[in-house]
Amino acid sequence: MTTGAGAASLLVLAWAQVSDLAAFYAIWVGIGLAMAAALYEPAFAVIASWYRDPAQRNRALLGLTVIGGLDRAVGRRVGLANRTATPHRCRTTAARLTLEHPPTSSV
């Protein structure tokens, strides 16, 4: 998945410099392959086809799900830390946190 994400980044940069139609199509084929390598849905399909034993398949699918969930949780916290590093962004970050995580009523 990491290789696919890195390849997708490079291909998007190449897409910005494309000058003819053949290169455009070639880059989009590459982007499609990179998406297949980097997104979770193809990863689930690959895991389901690799592991024939249901116990091993379930363990592998659970591992991918947990890692994906942790990635989102950790990535969001690191992103918030980066956004609040400068004082002029604190107000915007506070407003965004309020919209993303509205207070719950304790009735």
PDB file of N, CA and C in Angstrom:
ATOM      1  N   MET A   1       0.828  -1.188   0.000  1.00  0.00           N
ATOM      2  CA  MET A   1       0.000   0.000   0.000  1.00  0.00           C
ATOM      3  C   MET A   1       0.872   1.252   0.000  1.00  0.00           C
ATOM      4  N   THR A   2       1.983   1.203   0.685  1.00  0.00           N
ATOM      5  CA  THR A   2       2.876   2.361   0.721  1.00  0.00           C
ATOM      6  C   THR A   2       3.474   2.627  -0.655  1.00  0.00           C
ATOM      7  N   THR A   3       3.867   1.568  -1.331  1.00  0.00           N
ATOM      8  CA  THR A   3       4.426   1.725  -2.675  1.00  0.00           C
ATOM      9  C   THR A   3       3.385   2.309  -3.618  1.00  0.00           C
ATOM     10  N   GLY A   4       2.146   1.841  -3.507  1.00  0.00           N
ATOM     11  CA  GLY A   4       1.076   2.368  -4.350  1.00  0.00           C
ATOM     12  C   GLY A   4       0.823   3.843  -4.096  1.00  0.00           C
ATOM     13  N   ALA A   5       0.853   4.250  -2.832  1.00  0.00           N
ATOM     14  CA  ALA A   5       0.648   5.664  -2.502  1.00  0.00           C
ATOM     15  C   ALA A   5       1.786   6.524  -3.034  1.00  0.00           C
ATOM     16  N   GLY A   6       3.017   6.029  -2.895  1.00  0.00           N
ATOM     17  CA  GLY A   6       4.165   6.778  -3.432  1.00  0.00           C
ATOM     18  C   GLY A   6       4.107   6.886  -4.945  1.00  0.00           C
ATOM     19  N   ALA A   7       3.752   5.792  -5.597  1.00  0.00           N
ATOM     20  CA  ALA A   7       3.630   5.815  -7.062  1.00  0.00           C
ATOM     21  C   ALA A   7       2.524   6.764  -7.497  1.00  0.00           C
ATOM     22  N   ALA A   8       1.416   6.765  -6.778  1.00  0.00           N
ATOM     23  CA  ALA A   8       0.318   7.670  -7.122  1.00  0.00           C
ATOM     24  C   ALA A   8       0.751   9.124  -7.003  1.00  0.00           C
ATOM     25  N   SER A   9       1.523   9.440  -5.984  1.00  0.00           N
ATOM     26  CA  SER A   9       2.012  10.814  -5.821  1.00  0.00           C
ATOM     27  C   SER A   9       2.884  11.230  -6.996  1.00  0.00           C
ATOM     28  N   LEU A  10       3.792  10.350  -7.373  1.00  0.00           N
ATOM     29  CA  LEU A  10       4.664  10.668  -8.516  1.00  0.00           C
ATOM     30  C   LEU A  10       3.877  10.773  -9.814  1.00  0.00           C
ATOM     31  N   LEU A  11       2.888   9.916  -9.981  1.00  0.00           N
ATOM     32  CA  LEU A  11       2.084   9.963 -11.206  1.00  0.00           C
ATOM     33  C   LEU A  11       1.224  11.225 -11.282  1.00  0.00           C
ATOM     34  N   VAL A  12       0.742  11.700 -10.150  1.00  0.00           N
ATOM     35  CA  VAL A  12      -0.023  12.953 -10.163  1.00  0.00           C
ATOM     36  C   VAL A  12       0.887  14.114 -10.543  1.00  0.00           C
ATOM     37  N   LEU A  13       2.124  14.098 -10.069  1.00  0.00           N
ATOM     38  CA  LEU A  13       3.078  15.127 -10.489  1.00  0.00           C
ATOM     39  C   LEU A  13       3.351  15.031 -11.994  1.00  0.00           C
ATOM     40  N   ALA A  14       3.482  13.806 -12.498  1.00  0.00           N
ATOM     41  CA  ALA A  14       3.686  13.626 -13.941  1.00  0.00           C
ATOM     42  C   ALA A  14       2.461  14.075 -14.724  1.00  0.00           C
ATOM     43  N   TRP A  15       1.288  13.855 -14.173  1.00  0.00           N
ATOM     44  CA  TRP A  15       0.034  14.262 -14.823  1.00  0.00           C
ATOM     45  C   TRP A  15      -0.002  15.781 -15.006  1.00  0.00           C
ATOM     46  N   ALA A  16       0.554  16.506 -14.055  1.00  0.00           N
ATOM     47  CA  ALA A  16       0.580  17.963 -14.152  1.00  0.00           C
ATOM     48  C   ALA A  16       1.477  18.446 -15.288  1.00  0.00           C
ATOM     49  N   GLN A  17       2.400  17.613 -15.741  1.00  0.00           N
ATOM     50  CA  GLN A  17       3.341  18.005 -16.792  1.00  0.00           C
ATOM     51  C   GLN A  17       3.035  17.366 -18.140  1.00  0.00           C
ATOM     52  N   VAL A  18       1.930  16.658 -18.261  1.00  0.00           N
ATOM     53  CA  VAL A  18       1.624  15.925 -19.491  1.00  0.00           C
ATOM     54  C   VAL A  18       1.439  16.879 -20.674  1.00  0.00           C
ATOM     55  N   SER A  19       1.947  16.454 -21.841  1.00  0.00           N
ATOM     56  CA  SER A  19       1.858  17.327 -23.008  1.00  0.00           C
ATOM     57  C   SER A  19       1.180  16.674 -24.204  1.00  0.00           C
ATOM     58  N   ASP A  20       0.996  15.361 -24.196  1.00  0.00           N
ATOM     59  CA  ASP A  20       0.296  14.731 -25.318  1.00  0.00           C
ATOM     60  C   ASP A  20      -0.681  13.675 -24.808  1.00  0.00           C
ATOM     61  N   LEU A  21      -1.562  13.261 -25.675  1.00  0.00           N
ATOM     62  CA  LEU A  21      -2.660  12.382 -25.302  1.00  0.00           C
ATOM     63  C   LEU A  21      -2.179  10.988 -24.896  1.00  0.00           C
ATOM     64  N   ALA A  22      -1.193  10.444 -25.570  1.00  0.00           N
ATOM     65  CA  ALA A  22      -0.686   9.108 -25.240  1.00  0.00           C
ATOM     66  C   ALA A  22      -0.089   9.090 -23.831  1.00  0.00           C
ATOM     67  N   ALA A  23       0.651  10.118 -23.485  1.00  0.00           N
ATOM     68  CA  ALA A  23       1.222  10.199 -22.139  1.00  0.00           C
ATOM     69  C   ALA A  23       0.113  10.349 -21.101  1.00  0.00           C
ATOM     70  N   PHE A  24      -0.917  11.107 -21.448  1.00  0.00           N
ATOM     71  CA  PHE A  24      -2.063  11.286 -20.558  1.00  0.00           C
ATOM     72  C   PHE A  24      -2.711   9.944 -20.243  1.00  0.00           C
ATOM     73  N   TYR A  25      -2.949   9.140 -21.282  1.00  0.00           N
ATOM     74  CA  TYR A  25      -3.558   7.822 -21.073  1.00  0.00           C
ATOM     75  C   TYR A  25      -2.627   6.891 -20.292  1.00  0.00           C
ATOM     76  N   ALA A  26      -1.348   6.929 -20.597  1.00  0.00           N
ATOM     77  CA  ALA A  26      -0.385   6.078 -19.897  1.00  0.00           C
ATOM     78  C   ALA A  26      -0.324   6.438 -18.409  1.00  0.00           C
ATOM     79  N   ILE A  27      -0.350   7.725 -18.109  1.00  0.00           N
ATOM     80  CA  ILE A  27      -0.318   8.160 -16.715  1.00  0.00           C
ATOM     81  C   ILE A  27      -1.583   7.722 -15.992  1.00  0.00           C
ATOM     82  N   TRP A  28      -2.732   7.805 -16.652  1.00  0.00           N
ATOM     83  CA  TRP A  28      -3.973   7.389 -16.007  1.00  0.00           C
ATOM     84  C   TRP A  28      -4.035   5.884 -15.790  1.00  0.00           C
ATOM     85  N   VAL A  29      -3.442   5.120 -16.689  1.00  0.00           N
ATOM     86  CA  VAL A  29      -3.338   3.678 -16.441  1.00  0.00           C
ATOM     87  C   VAL A  29      -2.476   3.440 -15.200  1.00  0.00           C
ATOM     88  N   GLY A  30      -1.379   4.159 -15.099  1.00  0.00           N
ATOM     89  CA  GLY A  30      -0.526   4.048 -13.920  1.00  0.00           C
ATOM     90  C   GLY A  30      -1.235   4.472 -12.648  1.00  0.00           C
ATOM     91  N   ILE A  31      -2.009   5.547 -12.725  1.00  0.00           N
ATOM     92  CA  ILE A  31      -2.765   5.999 -11.551  1.00  0.00           C
ATOM     93  C   ILE A  31      -3.783   4.941 -11.140  1.00  0.00           C
ATOM     94  N   GLY A  32      -4.416   4.312 -12.112  1.00  0.00           N
ATOM     95  CA  GLY A  32      -5.366   3.244 -11.794  1.00  0.00           C
ATOM     96  C   GLY A  32      -4.695   2.073 -11.104  1.00  0.00           C
ATOM     97  N   LEU A  33      -3.515   1.683 -11.586  1.00  0.00           N
ATOM     98  CA  LEU A  33      -2.769   0.598 -10.936  1.00  0.00           C
ATOM     99  C   LEU A  33      -2.329   0.999  -9.528  1.00  0.00           C
ATOM    100  N   ALA A  34      -1.915   2.256  -9.366  1.00  0.00           N
ATOM    101  CA  ALA A  34      -1.506   2.729  -8.044  1.00  0.00           C
ATOM    102  C   ALA A  34      -2.696   2.749  -7.081  1.00  0.00           C
ATOM    103  N   MET A  35      -3.868   3.140  -7.585  1.00  0.00           N
ATOM    104  CA  MET A  35      -5.056   3.127  -6.737  1.00  0.00           C
ATOM    105  C   MET A  35      -5.406   1.701  -6.317  1.00  0.00           C
ATOM    106  N   ALA A  36      -5.246   0.757  -7.241  1.00  0.00           N
ATOM    107  CA  ALA A  36      -5.519  -0.638  -6.905  1.00  0.00           C
ATOM    108  C   ALA A  36      -4.547  -1.143  -5.843  1.00  0.00           C
ATOM    109  N   ALA A  37      -3.336  -0.595  -5.823  1.00  0.00           N
ATOM    110  CA  ALA A  37      -2.350  -1.020  -4.833  1.00  0.00           C
ATOM    111  C   ALA A  37      -2.509  -0.296  -3.503  1.00  0.00           C
ATOM    112  N   ALA A  38      -3.108   0.899  -3.503  1.00  0.00           N
ATOM    113  CA  ALA A  38      -3.122   1.722  -2.297  1.00  0.00           C
ATOM    114  C   ALA A  38      -4.453   1.749  -1.559  1.00  0.00           C
ATOM    115  N   LEU A  39      -5.541   1.467  -2.213  1.00  0.00           N
ATOM    116  CA  LEU A  39      -6.837   1.594  -1.556  1.00  0.00           C
ATOM    117  C   LEU A  39      -7.185   0.332  -0.771  1.00  0.00           C
ATOM    118  N   TYR A  40      -8.070   0.474   0.205  1.00  0.00           N
ATOM    119  CA  TYR A  40      -8.406  -0.637   1.088  1.00  0.00           C
ATOM    120  C   TYR A  40      -9.262  -1.704   0.404  1.00  0.00           C
ATOM    121  N   GLU A  41     -10.173  -1.322  -0.476  1.00  0.00           N
ATOM    122  CA  GLU A  41     -11.055  -2.307  -1.099  1.00  0.00           C
ATOM    123  C   GLU A  41     -10.272  -3.362  -1.868  1.00  0.00           C
ATOM    124  N   PRO A  42      -9.307  -2.984  -2.706  1.00  0.00           N
ATOM    125  CA  PRO A  42      -8.507  -4.018  -3.358  1.00  0.00           C
ATOM    126  C   PRO A  42      -7.697  -4.856  -2.360  1.00  0.00           C
ATOM    127  N   ALA A  43      -7.259  -4.234  -1.268  1.00  0.00           N
ATOM    128  CA  ALA A  43      -6.506  -4.991  -0.270  1.00  0.00           C
ATOM    129  C   ALA A  43      -7.388  -6.061   0.373  1.00  0.00           C
ATOM    130  N   PHE A  44      -8.645  -5.734   0.636  1.00  0.00           N
ATOM    131  CA  PHE A  44      -9.563  -6.727   1.181  1.00  0.00           C
ATOM    132  C   PHE A  44      -9.778  -7.874   0.197  1.00  0.00           C
ATOM    133  N   ALA A  45      -9.916  -7.550  -1.085  1.00  0.00           N
ATOM    134  CA  ALA A  45     -10.105  -8.597  -2.098  1.00  0.00           C
ATOM    135  C   ALA A  45      -8.888  -9.510  -2.192  1.00  0.00           C
ATOM    136  N   VAL A  46      -7.696  -8.929  -2.123  1.00  0.00           N
ATOM    137  CA  VAL A  46      -6.477  -9.736  -2.188  1.00  0.00           C
ATOM    138  C   VAL A  46      -6.365 -10.641  -0.971  1.00  0.00           C
ATOM    139  N   ILE A  47      -6.647 -10.112   0.205  1.00  0.00           N
ATOM    140  CA  ILE A  47      -6.575 -10.926   1.419  1.00  0.00           C
ATOM    141  C   ILE A  47      -7.590 -12.066   1.351  1.00  0.00           C
ATOM    142  N   ALA A  48      -8.796 -11.766   0.878  1.00  0.00           N
ATOM    143  CA  ALA A  48      -9.826 -12.801   0.795  1.00  0.00           C
ATOM    144  C   ALA A  48      -9.431 -13.912  -0.173  1.00  0.00           C
ATOM    145  N   SER A  49      -8.686 -13.570  -1.233  1.00  0.00           N
ATOM    146  CA  SER A  49      -8.283 -14.608  -2.185  1.00  0.00           C
ATOM    147  C   SER A  49      -7.017 -15.349  -1.746  1.00  0.00           C
ATOM    148  N   TRP A  50      -6.147 -14.720  -0.980  1.00  0.00           N
ATOM    149  CA  TRP A  50      -4.908 -15.363  -0.543  1.00  0.00           C
ATOM    150  C   TRP A  50      -5.139 -16.418   0.521  1.00  0.00           C
ATOM    151  N   TYR A  51      -5.987 -16.109   1.475  1.00  0.00           N
ATOM    152  CA  TYR A  51      -6.176 -16.993   2.630  1.00  0.00           C
ATOM    153  C   TYR A  51      -7.431 -17.829   2.426  1.00  0.00           C
ATOM    154  N   ARG A  52      -7.240 -19.131   2.259  1.00  0.00           N
ATOM    155  CA  ARG A  52      -8.378 -20.044   2.085  1.00  0.00           C
ATOM    156  C   ARG A  52      -8.945 -20.501   3.429  1.00  0.00           C
ATOM    157  N   ASP A  53      -8.092 -20.566   4.432  1.00  0.00           N
ATOM    158  CA  ASP A  53      -8.534 -20.970   5.761  1.00  0.00           C
ATOM    159  C   ASP A  53      -9.313 -19.809   6.392  1.00  0.00           C
ATOM    160  N   PRO A  54     -10.571 -20.038   6.789  1.00  0.00           N
ATOM    161  CA  PRO A  54     -11.377 -18.936   7.332  1.00  0.00           C
ATOM    162  C   PRO A  54     -10.765 -18.255   8.560  1.00  0.00           C
ATOM    163  N   ALA A  55     -10.109 -19.013   9.420  1.00  0.00           N
ATOM    164  CA  ALA A  55      -9.521 -18.406  10.623  1.00  0.00           C
ATOM    165  C   ALA A  55      -8.380 -17.463  10.249  1.00  0.00           C
ATOM    166  N   GLN A  56      -7.513 -17.890   9.335  1.00  0.00           N
ATOM    167  CA  GLN A  56      -6.413 -17.029   8.890  1.00  0.00           C
ATOM    168  C   GLN A  56      -6.939 -15.814   8.129  1.00  0.00           C
ATOM    169  N   ARG A  57      -7.958 -16.029   7.289  1.00  0.00           N
ATOM    170  CA  ARG A  57      -8.529 -14.921   6.524  1.00  0.00           C
ATOM    171  C   ARG A  57      -9.137 -13.882   7.456  1.00  0.00           C
ATOM    172  N   ASN A  58      -9.880 -14.352   8.460  1.00  0.00           N
ATOM    173  CA  ASN A  58     -10.497 -13.410   9.407  1.00  0.00           C
ATOM    174  C   ASN A  58      -9.448 -12.639  10.178  1.00  0.00           C
ATOM    175  N   ARG A  59      -8.372 -13.307  10.586  1.00  0.00           N
ATOM    176  CA  ARG A  59      -7.299 -12.637  11.317  1.00  0.00           C
ATOM    177  C   ARG A  59      -6.623 -11.573  10.435  1.00  0.00           C
ATOM    178  N   ALA A  60      -6.386 -11.918   9.164  1.00  0.00           N
ATOM    179  CA  ALA A  60      -5.755 -10.959   8.254  1.00  0.00           C
ATOM    180  C   ALA A  60      -6.673  -9.771   7.973  1.00  0.00           C
ATOM    181  N   LEU A  61      -7.962 -10.030   7.771  1.00  0.00           N
ATOM    182  CA  LEU A  61      -8.904  -8.928   7.530  1.00  0.00           C
ATOM    183  C   LEU A  61      -9.031  -8.041   8.758  1.00  0.00           C
ATOM    184  N   LEU A  62      -9.036  -8.645   9.934  1.00  0.00           N
ATOM    185  CA  LEU A  62      -9.085  -7.855  11.167  1.00  0.00           C
ATOM    186  C   LEU A  62      -7.837  -7.000  11.307  1.00  0.00           C
ATOM    187  N   GLY A  63      -6.681  -7.571  10.992  1.00  0.00           N
ATOM    188  CA  GLY A  63      -5.435  -6.803  11.070  1.00  0.00           C
ATOM    189  C   GLY A  63      -5.445  -5.600  10.153  1.00  0.00           C
ATOM    190  N   LEU A  64      -5.916  -5.792   8.918  1.00  0.00           N
ATOM    191  CA  LEU A  64      -5.992  -4.668   7.977  1.00  0.00           C
ATOM    192  C   LEU A  64      -6.967  -3.608   8.479  1.00  0.00           C
ATOM    193  N   THR A  65      -8.095  -4.045   9.017  1.00  0.00           N
ATOM    194  CA  THR A  65      -9.090  -3.097   9.516  1.00  0.00           C
ATOM    195  C   THR A  65      -8.555  -2.298  10.704  1.00  0.00           C
ATOM    196  N   VAL A  66      -7.883  -2.971  11.620  1.00  0.00           N
ATOM    197  CA  VAL A  66      -7.338  -2.285  12.802  1.00  0.00           C
ATOM    198  C   VAL A  66      -6.250  -1.308  12.389  1.00  0.00           C
ATOM    199  N   ILE A  67      -5.354  -1.730  11.510  1.00  0.00           N
ATOM    200  CA  ILE A  67      -4.283  -0.836  11.064  1.00  0.00           C
ATOM    201  C   ILE A  67      -4.865   0.371  10.330  1.00  0.00           C
ATOM    202  N   GLY A  68      -5.876   0.144   9.497  1.00  0.00           N
ATOM    203  CA  GLY A  68      -6.514   1.263   8.808  1.00  0.00           C
ATOM    204  C   GLY A  68      -7.186   2.227   9.770  1.00  0.00           C
ATOM    205  N   GLY A  69      -7.835   1.691  10.799  1.00  0.00           N
ATOM    206  CA  GLY A  69      -8.471   2.552  11.796  1.00  0.00           C
ATOM    207  C   GLY A  69      -7.460   3.347  12.596  1.00  0.00           C
ATOM    208  N   LEU A  70      -6.364   2.697  12.984  1.00  0.00           N
ATOM    209  CA  LEU A  70      -5.321   3.407  13.721  1.00  0.00           C
ATOM    210  C   LEU A  70      -4.671   4.473  12.852  1.00  0.00           C
ATOM    211  N   ASP A  71      -4.499   4.164  11.581  1.00  0.00           N
ATOM    212  CA  ASP A  71      -3.915   5.143  10.672  1.00  0.00           C
ATOM    213  C   ASP A  71      -4.767   6.399  10.610  1.00  0.00           C
ATOM    214  N   ARG A  72      -6.057   6.228  10.529  1.00  0.00           N
ATOM    215  CA  ARG A  72      -6.946   7.392  10.476  1.00  0.00           C
ATOM    216  C   ARG A  72      -6.912   8.169  11.792  1.00  0.00           C
ATOM    217  N   ALA A  73      -6.945   7.457  12.910  1.00  0.00           N
ATOM    218  CA  ALA A  73      -6.957   8.136  14.206  1.00  0.00           C
ATOM    219  C   ALA A  73      -5.644   8.868  14.464  1.00  0.00           C
ATOM    220  N   VAL A  74      -4.528   8.218  14.209  1.00  0.00           N
ATOM    221  CA  VAL A  74      -3.225   8.844  14.438  1.00  0.00           C
ATOM    222  C   VAL A  74      -2.998   9.966  13.436  1.00  0.00           C
ATOM    223  N   GLY A  75      -3.347   9.733  12.182  1.00  0.00           N
ATOM    224  CA  GLY A  75      -3.175  10.763  11.159  1.00  0.00           C
ATOM    225  C   GLY A  75      -3.973  12.017  11.461  1.00  0.00           C
ATOM    226  N   ARG A  76      -5.174  11.854  11.965  1.00  0.00           N
ATOM    227  CA  ARG A  76      -5.996  13.023  12.312  1.00  0.00           C
ATOM    228  C   ARG A  76      -5.357  13.807  13.451  1.00  0.00           C
ATOM    229  N   ARG A  77      -4.849  13.107  14.461  1.00  0.00           N
ATOM    230  CA  ARG A  77      -4.225  13.806  15.588  1.00  0.00           C
ATOM    231  C   ARG A  77      -2.955  14.533  15.163  1.00  0.00           C
ATOM    232  N   VAL A  78      -2.151  13.898  14.337  1.00  0.00           N
ATOM    233  CA  VAL A  78      -0.932  14.553  13.856  1.00  0.00           C
ATOM    234  C   VAL A  78      -1.301  15.763  13.004  1.00  0.00           C
ATOM    235  N   GLY A  79      -2.320  15.630  12.182  1.00  0.00           N
ATOM    236  CA  GLY A  79      -2.771  16.757  11.371  1.00  0.00           C
ATOM    237  C   GLY A  79      -3.270  17.911  12.221  1.00  0.00           C
ATOM    238  N   LEU A  80      -4.001  17.606  13.286  1.00  0.00           N
ATOM    239  CA  LEU A  80      -4.469  18.666  14.183  1.00  0.00           C
ATOM    240  C   LEU A  80      -3.300  19.344  14.866  1.00  0.00           C
ATOM    241  N   ALA A  81      -2.294  18.587  15.257  1.00  0.00           N
ATOM    242  CA  ALA A  81      -1.124  19.185  15.895  1.00  0.00           C
ATOM    243  C   ALA A  81      -0.411  20.124  14.926  1.00  0.00           C
ATOM    244  N   ASN A  82      -0.324  19.745  13.670  1.00  0.00           N
ATOM    245  CA  ASN A  82       0.320  20.607  12.674  1.00  0.00           C
ATOM    246  C   ASN A  82      -0.499  21.864  12.415  1.00  0.00           C
ATOM    247  N   ARG A  83      -1.818  21.722  12.421  1.00  0.00           N
ATOM    248  CA  ARG A  83      -2.661  22.890  12.143  1.00  0.00           C
ATOM    249  C   ARG A  83      -2.660  23.887  13.290  1.00  0.00           C
ATOM    250  N   THR A  84      -2.495  23.410  14.500  1.00  0.00           N
ATOM    251  CA  THR A  84      -2.525  24.319  15.650  1.00  0.00           C
ATOM    252  C   THR A  84      -1.146  24.845  16.007  1.00  0.00           C
ATOM    253  N   ALA A  85      -0.136  24.500  15.224  1.00  0.00           N
ATOM    254  CA  ALA A  85       1.222  24.940  15.540  1.00  0.00           C
ATOM    255  C   ALA A  85       1.379  26.452  15.367  1.00  0.00           C
ATOM    256  N   THR A  86       0.587  27.062  14.524  1.00  0.00           N
ATOM    257  CA  THR A  86       0.675  28.505  14.334  1.00  0.00           C
ATOM    258  C   THR A  86      -0.546  29.166  14.970  1.00  0.00           C
ATOM    259  N   PRO A  87      -0.359  30.305  15.651  1.00  0.00           N
ATOM    260  CA  PRO A  87      -1.462  30.923  16.403  1.00  0.00           C
ATOM    261  C   PRO A  87      -2.659  31.332  15.544  1.00  0.00           C
ATOM    262  N   HIS A  88      -2.428  31.777  14.310  1.00  0.00           N
ATOM    263  CA  HIS A  88      -3.557  32.248  13.511  1.00  0.00           C
ATOM    264  C   HIS A  88      -4.466  31.122  13.056  1.00  0.00           C
ATOM    265  N   ARG A  89      -4.045  29.868  13.232  1.00  0.00           N
ATOM    266  CA  ARG A  89      -4.875  28.732  12.827  1.00  0.00           C
ATOM    267  C   ARG A  89      -5.667  28.141  13.978  1.00  0.00           C
ATOM    268  N   CYS A  90      -5.427  28.598  15.189  1.00  0.00           N
ATOM    269  CA  CYS A  90      -6.107  28.020  16.353  1.00  0.00           C
ATOM    270  C   CYS A  90      -7.617  28.201  16.268  1.00  0.00           C
ATOM    271  N   ARG A  91      -8.057  29.375  15.841  1.00  0.00           N
ATOM    272  CA  ARG A  91      -9.492  29.643  15.772  1.00  0.00           C
ATOM    273  C   ARG A  91     -10.152  28.745  14.731  1.00  0.00           C
ATOM    274  N   THR A  92      -9.522  28.589  13.567  1.00  0.00           N
ATOM    275  CA  THR A  92     -10.067  27.735  12.521  1.00  0.00           C
ATOM    276  C   THR A  92     -10.115  26.282  12.983  1.00  0.00           C
ATOM    277  N   THR A  93      -9.085  25.846  13.664  1.00  0.00           N
ATOM    278  CA  THR A  93      -9.045  24.466  14.151  1.00  0.00           C
ATOM    279  C   THR A  93     -10.117  24.235  15.198  1.00  0.00           C
ATOM    280  N   ALA A  94     -10.325  25.190  16.092  1.00  0.00           N
ATOM    281  CA  ALA A  94     -11.370  25.048  17.108  1.00  0.00           C
ATOM    282  C   ALA A  94     -12.747  24.964  16.454  1.00  0.00           C
ATOM    283  N   ALA A  95     -12.975  25.782  15.445  1.00  0.00           N
ATOM    284  CA  ALA A  95     -14.261  25.727  14.741  1.00  0.00           C
ATOM    285  C   ALA A  95     -14.428  24.391  14.033  1.00  0.00           C
ATOM    286  N   ARG A  96     -13.371  23.887  13.436  1.00  0.00           N
ATOM    287  CA  ARG A  96     -13.457  22.612  12.730  1.00  0.00           C
ATOM    288  C   ARG A  96     -13.702  21.464  13.700  1.00  0.00           C
ATOM    289  N   LEU A  97     -13.029  21.490  14.843  1.00  0.00           N
ATOM    290  CA  LEU A  97     -13.257  20.449  15.835  1.00  0.00           C
ATOM    291  C   LEU A  97     -14.699  20.455  16.324  1.00  0.00           C
ATOM    292  N   THR A  98     -15.262  21.639  16.477  1.00  0.00           N
ATOM    293  CA  THR A  98     -16.643  21.741  16.923  1.00  0.00           C
ATOM    294  C   THR A  98     -17.585  21.156  15.885  1.00  0.00           C
ATOM    295  N   LEU A  99     -17.301  21.386  14.604  1.00  0.00           N
ATOM    296  CA  LEU A  99     -18.151  20.843  13.558  1.00  0.00           C
ATOM    297  C   LEU A  99     -17.968  19.339  13.397  1.00  0.00           C
ATOM    298  N   GLU A 100     -16.733  18.851  13.533  1.00  0.00           N
ATOM    299  CA  GLU A 100     -16.479  17.428  13.375  1.00  0.00           C
ATOM    300  C   GLU A 100     -16.951  16.610  14.562  1.00  0.00           C
ATOM    301  N   HIS A 101     -16.825  17.165  15.755  1.00  0.00           N
ATOM    302  CA  HIS A 101     -17.178  16.454  16.973  1.00  0.00           C
ATOM    303  C   HIS A 101     -18.115  17.316  17.809  1.00  0.00           C
ATOM    304  N   PRO A 102     -19.392  17.417  17.402  1.00  0.00           N
ATOM    305  CA  PRO A 102     -20.305  18.273  18.164  1.00  0.00           C
ATOM    306  C   PRO A 102     -20.535  17.717  19.563  1.00  0.00           C
ATOM    307  N   PRO A 103     -20.764  18.613  20.524  1.00  0.00           N
ATOM    308  CA  PRO A 103     -21.000  18.133  21.897  1.00  0.00           C
ATOM    309  C   PRO A 103     -22.275  17.294  21.963  1.00  0.00           C
ATOM    310  N   THR A 104     -22.241  16.269  22.781  1.00  0.00           N
ATOM    311  CA  THR A 104     -23.421  15.412  22.943  1.00  0.00           C
ATOM    312  C   THR A 104     -24.152  15.810  24.200  1.00  0.00           C
ATOM    313  N   SER A 105     -25.460  15.716  24.158  1.00  0.00           N
ATOM    314  CA  SER A 105     -26.255  16.075  25.329  1.00  0.00           C
ATOM    315  C   SER A 105     -26.263  14.884  26.286  1.00  0.00           C
ATOM    316  N   SER A 106     -26.177  15.180  27.553  1.00  0.00           N
ATOM    317  CA  SER A 106     -26.198  14.122  28.581  1.00  0.00           C
ATOM    318  C   SER A 106     -27.552  14.104  29.244  1.00  0.00           C
ATOM    319  N   VAL A 107     -28.538  13.588  28.533  1.00  0.00           N
ATOM    320  CA  VAL A 107     -29.908  13.545  29.047  1.00  0.00           C
ATOM    321  C   VAL A 107     -30.149  12.249  29.766  1.00  0.00           C
TER     322      VAL A 107
END
